[in-house]
């Protein structure tokens, strides 16, 4: 009888161990999923913060030097400065494209930054359309800007 009890007890404890291992596996999978989800949210917030800082710096320059965003305030001596500023803006717009339109970005960031693409496109499209400037950007981005119906694209109006 003691042998039966002992043998039955082993089966019981084996079953308990199997259930505990199963439960530990489920918890580990949940923790891994939660970690990946948290990392994704953190990355999105980090992308937004970094892009926000970059855009803030561009806007700050525009406030300090209004001729960078208003051609009527710019004289010919300021054209090289505008050229550099417009290049900076379009580099930023391409960064938005890279982060928000290549499948690596959540919809929230895309919705947030698409109006910025539109605004900067309207403001600096003429600069972008100049052949010597378009060559500074990858073809995929150029096609994206030509394909999208942003209001500033004169050939799409």
C-alpha atoms as a PDB file:
ATOM      1  CA  UNK A   1       0.000   0.000   0.000  1.00  0.00           C
ATOM      2  CA  UNK A   2       2.817   2.419   0.823  1.00  0.00           C
ATOM      3  CA  UNK A   3       4.282   1.588  -2.583  1.00  0.00           C
ATOM      4  CA  UNK A   4       1.006   2.520  -4.313  1.00  0.00           C
ATOM      5  CA  UNK A   5       0.755   5.744  -2.347  1.00  0.00           C
ATOM      6  CA  UNK A   6       4.360   6.618  -3.150  1.00  0.00           C
ATOM      7  CA  UNK A   7       3.944   5.771  -6.828  1.00  0.00           C
ATOM      8  CA  UNK A   8       0.682   7.763  -7.031  1.00  0.00           C
ATOM      9  CA  UNK A   9       2.360  10.701  -5.243  1.00  0.00           C
ATOM     10  CA  UNK A  10       5.136  10.821  -7.829  1.00  0.00           C
ATOM     11  CA  UNK A  11       2.598  11.065 -10.647  1.00  0.00           C
ATOM     12  CA  UNK A  12       0.796  13.857  -8.790  1.00  0.00           C
ATOM     13  CA  UNK A  13       4.000  15.856  -8.267  1.00  0.00           C
ATOM     14  CA  UNK A  14       5.049  15.252 -11.867  1.00  0.00           C
ATOM     15  CA  UNK A  15       1.714  16.678 -13.010  1.00  0.00           C
ATOM     16  CA  UNK A  16       2.147  19.668 -10.692  1.00  0.00           C
ATOM     17  CA  UNK A  17       5.643  20.300 -12.104  1.00  0.00           C
ATOM     18  CA  UNK A  18       4.345  20.107 -15.678  1.00  0.00           C
ATOM     19  CA  UNK A  19       1.573  22.606 -14.836  1.00  0.00           C
ATOM     20  CA  UNK A  20       4.050  24.934 -13.133  1.00  0.00           C
ATOM     21  CA  UNK A  21       6.388  24.766 -16.131  1.00  0.00           C
ATOM     22  CA  UNK A  22       3.468  25.523 -18.424  1.00  0.00           C
ATOM     23  CA  UNK A  23       2.410  28.463 -16.239  1.00  0.00           C
ATOM     24  CA  UNK A  24       5.999  29.765 -16.157  1.00  0.00           C
ATOM     25  CA  UNK A  25       6.165  29.548 -19.961  1.00  0.00           C
ATOM     26  CA  UNK A  26       2.884  31.469 -20.321  1.00  0.00           C
ATOM     27  CA  UNK A  27       4.119  34.163 -17.921  1.00  0.00           C
ATOM     28  CA  UNK A  28       7.457  34.394 -19.754  1.00  0.00           C
ATOM     29  CA  UNK A  29       5.683  34.808 -23.100  1.00  0.00           C
ATOM     30  CA  UNK A  30       3.438  37.512 -21.637  1.00  0.00           C
ATOM     31  CA  UNK A  31       6.428  39.346 -20.142  1.00  0.00           C
ATOM     32  CA  UNK A  32       8.266  39.140 -23.484  1.00  0.00           C
ATOM     33  CA  UNK A  33       5.201  40.461 -25.345  1.00  0.00           C
ATOM     34  CA  UNK A  34       4.786  43.274 -22.814  1.00  0.00           C
ATOM     35  CA  UNK A  35       8.474  44.170 -23.093  1.00  0.00           C
ATOM     36  CA  UNK A  36       8.300  44.307 -26.886  1.00  0.00           C
ATOM     37  CA  UNK A  37       5.135  46.421 -26.743  1.00  0.00           C
ATOM     38  CA  UNK A  38       6.688  48.788 -24.200  1.00  0.00           C
ATOM     39  CA  UNK A  39       9.850  49.044 -26.276  1.00  0.00           C
ATOM     40  CA  UNK A  40       7.786  49.900 -29.363  1.00  0.00           C
ATOM     41  CA  UNK A  41       5.918  52.638 -27.485  1.00  0.00           C
ATOM     42  CA  UNK A  42       9.175  53.979 -26.082  1.00  0.00           C
ATOM     43  CA  UNK A  43      10.719  54.021 -29.553  1.00  0.00           C
ATOM     44  CA  UNK A  44       7.705  55.878 -30.955  1.00  0.00           C
ATOM     45  CA  UNK A  45       7.905  58.459 -28.173  1.00  0.00           C
ATOM     46  CA  UNK A  46      11.644  58.793 -28.720  1.00  0.00           C
ATOM     47  CA  UNK A  47      11.144  59.287 -32.474  1.00  0.00           C
ATOM     48  CA  UNK A  48       8.498  61.923 -31.835  1.00  0.00           C
ATOM     49  CA  UNK A  49      10.664  63.775 -29.302  1.00  0.00           C
ATOM     50  CA  UNK A  50      13.705  63.737 -31.555  1.00  0.00           C
ATOM     51  CA  UNK A  51      11.736  64.933 -34.584  1.00  0.00           C
ATOM     52  CA  UNK A  52       9.995  67.575 -32.498  1.00  0.00           C
ATOM     53  CA  UNK A  53      13.369  68.935 -31.326  1.00  0.00           C
ATOM     54  CA  UNK A  54      14.673  69.006 -34.888  1.00  0.00           C
ATOM     55  CA  UNK A  55      11.625  70.874 -36.145  1.00  0.00           C
ATOM     56  CA  UNK A  56      11.737  73.285 -33.217  1.00  0.00           C
ATOM     57  CA  UNK A  57      15.268  74.273 -34.230  1.00  0.00           C
ATOM     58  CA  UNK A  58      14.152  74.918 -37.813  1.00  0.00           C
ATOM     59  CA  UNK A  59      11.211  77.023 -36.640  1.00  0.00           C
ATOM     60  CA  UNK A  60      13.457  78.947 -34.279  1.00  0.00           C
ATOM     61  CA  UNK A  61      15.730  79.867 -37.177  1.00  0.00           C
ATOM     62  CA  UNK A  62      12.694  81.018 -39.174  1.00  0.00           C
ATOM     63  CA  UNK A  63      11.570  83.273 -36.311  1.00  0.00           C
ATOM     64  CA  UNK A  64      15.056  84.736 -35.931  1.00  0.00           C
ATOM     65  CA  UNK A  65      15.432  85.245 -39.696  1.00  0.00           C
ATOM     66  CA  UNK A  66      12.007  85.696 -41.341  1.00  0.00           C
ATOM     67  CA  UNK A  67      13.589  86.007 -44.791  1.00  0.00           C
ATOM     68  CA  UNK A  68      14.168  82.238 -44.640  1.00  0.00           C
ATOM     69  CA  UNK A  69      10.431  81.607 -44.973  1.00  0.00           C
ATOM     70  CA  UNK A  70       9.242  84.747 -46.770  1.00  0.00           C
ATOM     71  CA  UNK A  71      10.834  85.421 -50.155  1.00  0.00           C
ATOM     72  CA  UNK A  72       9.533  88.996 -50.178  1.00  0.00           C
ATOM     73  CA  UNK A  73      11.841  89.765 -47.228  1.00  0.00           C
ATOM     74  CA  UNK A  74      14.913  88.200 -48.841  1.00  0.00           C
ATOM     75  CA  UNK A  75      17.519  90.027 -50.894  1.00  0.00           C
ATOM     76  CA  UNK A  76      20.006  88.405 -53.254  1.00  0.00           C
ATOM     77  CA  UNK A  77      22.754  88.410 -50.614  1.00  0.00           C
ATOM     78  CA  UNK A  78      20.546  86.194 -48.424  1.00  0.00           C
ATOM     79  CA  UNK A  79      19.901  83.579 -51.124  1.00  0.00           C
ATOM     80  CA  UNK A  80      22.812  81.322 -50.054  1.00  0.00           C
ATOM     81  CA  UNK A  81      21.488  81.364 -46.495  1.00  0.00           C
ATOM     82  CA  UNK A  82      18.013  80.466 -47.761  1.00  0.00           C
ATOM     83  CA  UNK A  83      19.479  77.703 -49.910  1.00  0.00           C
ATOM     84  CA  UNK A  84      21.073  76.130 -46.844  1.00  0.00           C
ATOM     85  CA  UNK A  85      17.909  76.558 -44.779  1.00  0.00           C
ATOM     86  CA  UNK A  86      15.693  75.025 -47.485  1.00  0.00           C
ATOM     87  CA  UNK A  87      18.095  72.084 -47.716  1.00  0.00           C
ATOM     88  CA  UNK A  88      17.817  71.610 -43.946  1.00  0.00           C
ATOM     89  CA  UNK A  89      14.016  71.720 -44.142  1.00  0.00           C
ATOM     90  CA  UNK A  90      13.862  69.202 -46.976  1.00  0.00           C
ATOM     91  CA  UNK A  91      16.274  66.926 -45.136  1.00  0.00           C
ATOM     92  CA  UNK A  92      13.893  67.077 -42.192  1.00  0.00           C
ATOM     93  CA  UNK A  93      10.918  66.326 -44.456  1.00  0.00           C
ATOM     94  CA  UNK A  94      12.821  63.345 -45.851  1.00  0.00           C
ATOM     95  CA  UNK A  95      13.432  62.188 -42.272  1.00  0.00           C
ATOM     96  CA  UNK A  96       9.681  62.311 -41.655  1.00  0.00           C
ATOM     97  CA  UNK A  97       9.202  60.279 -44.822  1.00  0.00           C
ATOM     98  CA  UNK A  98      11.830  57.743 -43.717  1.00  0.00           C
ATOM     99  CA  UNK A  99      10.265  57.331 -40.287  1.00  0.00           C
ATOM    100  CA  UNK A 100       6.584  57.642 -41.127  1.00  0.00           C
ATOM    101  CA  UNK A 101       6.061  56.415 -44.665  1.00  0.00           C
ATOM    102  CA  UNK A 102       8.283  53.386 -44.968  1.00  0.00           C
ATOM    103  CA  UNK A 103       6.292  51.056 -42.713  1.00  0.00           C
ATOM    104  CA  UNK A 104       8.350  51.747 -39.596  1.00  0.00           C
ATOM    105  CA  UNK A 105       6.042  54.241 -37.936  1.00  0.00           C
ATOM    106  CA  UNK A 106       2.714  54.067 -36.219  1.00  0.00           C
ATOM    107  CA  UNK A 107      -0.273  55.917 -37.624  1.00  0.00           C
ATOM    108  CA  UNK A 108      -0.185  58.492 -34.792  1.00  0.00           C
ATOM    109  CA  UNK A 109       3.198  59.848 -35.924  1.00  0.00           C
ATOM    110  CA  UNK A 110       2.109  59.877 -39.553  1.00  0.00           C
ATOM    111  CA  UNK A 111      -1.016  61.882 -38.689  1.00  0.00           C
ATOM    112  CA  UNK A 112       1.084  64.252 -36.585  1.00  0.00           C
ATOM    113  CA  UNK A 113       3.813  64.909 -39.135  1.00  0.00           C
ATOM    114  CA  UNK A 114       1.975  64.844 -42.482  1.00  0.00           C
ATOM    115  CA  UNK A 115       0.684  68.419 -41.974  1.00  0.00           C
ATOM    116  CA  UNK A 116       4.302  69.500 -41.471  1.00  0.00           C
ATOM    117  CA  UNK A 117       5.251  67.883 -44.782  1.00  0.00           C
ATOM    118  CA  UNK A 118       2.374  69.765 -46.382  1.00  0.00           C
ATOM    119  CA  UNK A 119       3.296  73.124 -44.813  1.00  0.00           C
ATOM    120  CA  UNK A 120       6.996  72.904 -45.650  1.00  0.00           C
ATOM    121  CA  UNK A 121       6.215  71.634 -49.127  1.00  0.00           C
ATOM    122  CA  UNK A 122       4.031  74.683 -49.787  1.00  0.00           C
ATOM    123  CA  UNK A 123       6.720  76.976 -48.421  1.00  0.00           C
ATOM    124  CA  UNK A 124       9.776  75.473 -50.133  1.00  0.00           C
ATOM    125  CA  UNK A 125       8.481  73.450 -53.112  1.00  0.00           C
ATOM    126  CA  UNK A 126      10.076  75.706 -55.699  1.00  0.00           C
ATOM    127  CA  UNK A 127      13.486  75.039 -54.110  1.00  0.00           C
ATOM    128  CA  UNK A 128      12.848  71.286 -54.106  1.00  0.00           C
ATOM    129  CA  UNK A 129      11.775  71.235 -57.754  1.00  0.00           C
ATOM    130  CA  UNK A 130      15.029  72.801 -58.966  1.00  0.00           C
ATOM    131  CA  UNK A 131      17.017  70.022 -60.687  1.00  0.00           C
ATOM    132  CA  UNK A 132      20.208  70.760 -58.748  1.00  0.00           C
ATOM    133  CA  UNK A 133      18.306  70.383 -55.471  1.00  0.00           C
ATOM    134  CA  UNK A 134      16.200  67.326 -56.306  1.00  0.00           C
ATOM    135  CA  UNK A 135      19.413  65.444 -56.986  1.00  0.00           C
ATOM    136  CA  UNK A 136      20.261  65.811 -53.283  1.00  0.00           C
ATOM    137  CA  UNK A 137      17.460  63.395 -52.285  1.00  0.00           C
ATOM    138  CA  UNK A 138      16.892  59.732 -52.947  1.00  0.00           C
ATOM    139  CA  UNK A 139      14.632  58.892 -55.869  1.00  0.00           C
ATOM    140  CA  UNK A 140      12.128  57.066 -53.662  1.00  0.00           C
ATOM    141  CA  UNK A 141      11.537  60.252 -51.659  1.00  0.00           C
ATOM    142  CA  UNK A 142      11.264  62.353 -54.827  1.00  0.00           C
ATOM    143  CA  UNK A 143       8.615  59.960 -56.193  1.00  0.00           C
ATOM    144  CA  UNK A 144       6.748  60.131 -52.890  1.00  0.00           C
ATOM    145  CA  UNK A 145       6.656  63.938 -53.008  1.00  0.00           C
ATOM    146  CA  UNK A 146       5.527  63.873 -56.639  1.00  0.00           C
ATOM    147  CA  UNK A 147       2.886  61.218 -55.981  1.00  0.00           C
ATOM    148  CA  UNK A 148       1.351  62.823 -52.886  1.00  0.00           C
ATOM    149  CA  UNK A 149      -1.179  65.538 -53.504  1.00  0.00           C
ATOM    150  CA  UNK A 150       0.290  68.142 -51.220  1.00  0.00           C
ATOM    151  CA  UNK A 151      -1.185  71.535 -51.930  1.00  0.00           C
ATOM    152  CA  UNK A 152       2.149  73.142 -52.728  1.00  0.00           C
ATOM    153  CA  UNK A 153       2.983  70.839 -55.595  1.00  0.00           C
ATOM    154  CA  UNK A 154       2.250  73.247 -58.466  1.00  0.00           C
ATOM    155  CA  UNK A 155       2.087  70.509 -61.076  1.00  0.00           C
ATOM    156  CA  UNK A 156      -0.596  68.666 -59.038  1.00  0.00           C
ATOM    157  CA  UNK A 157      -2.918  71.590 -58.300  1.00  0.00           C
END
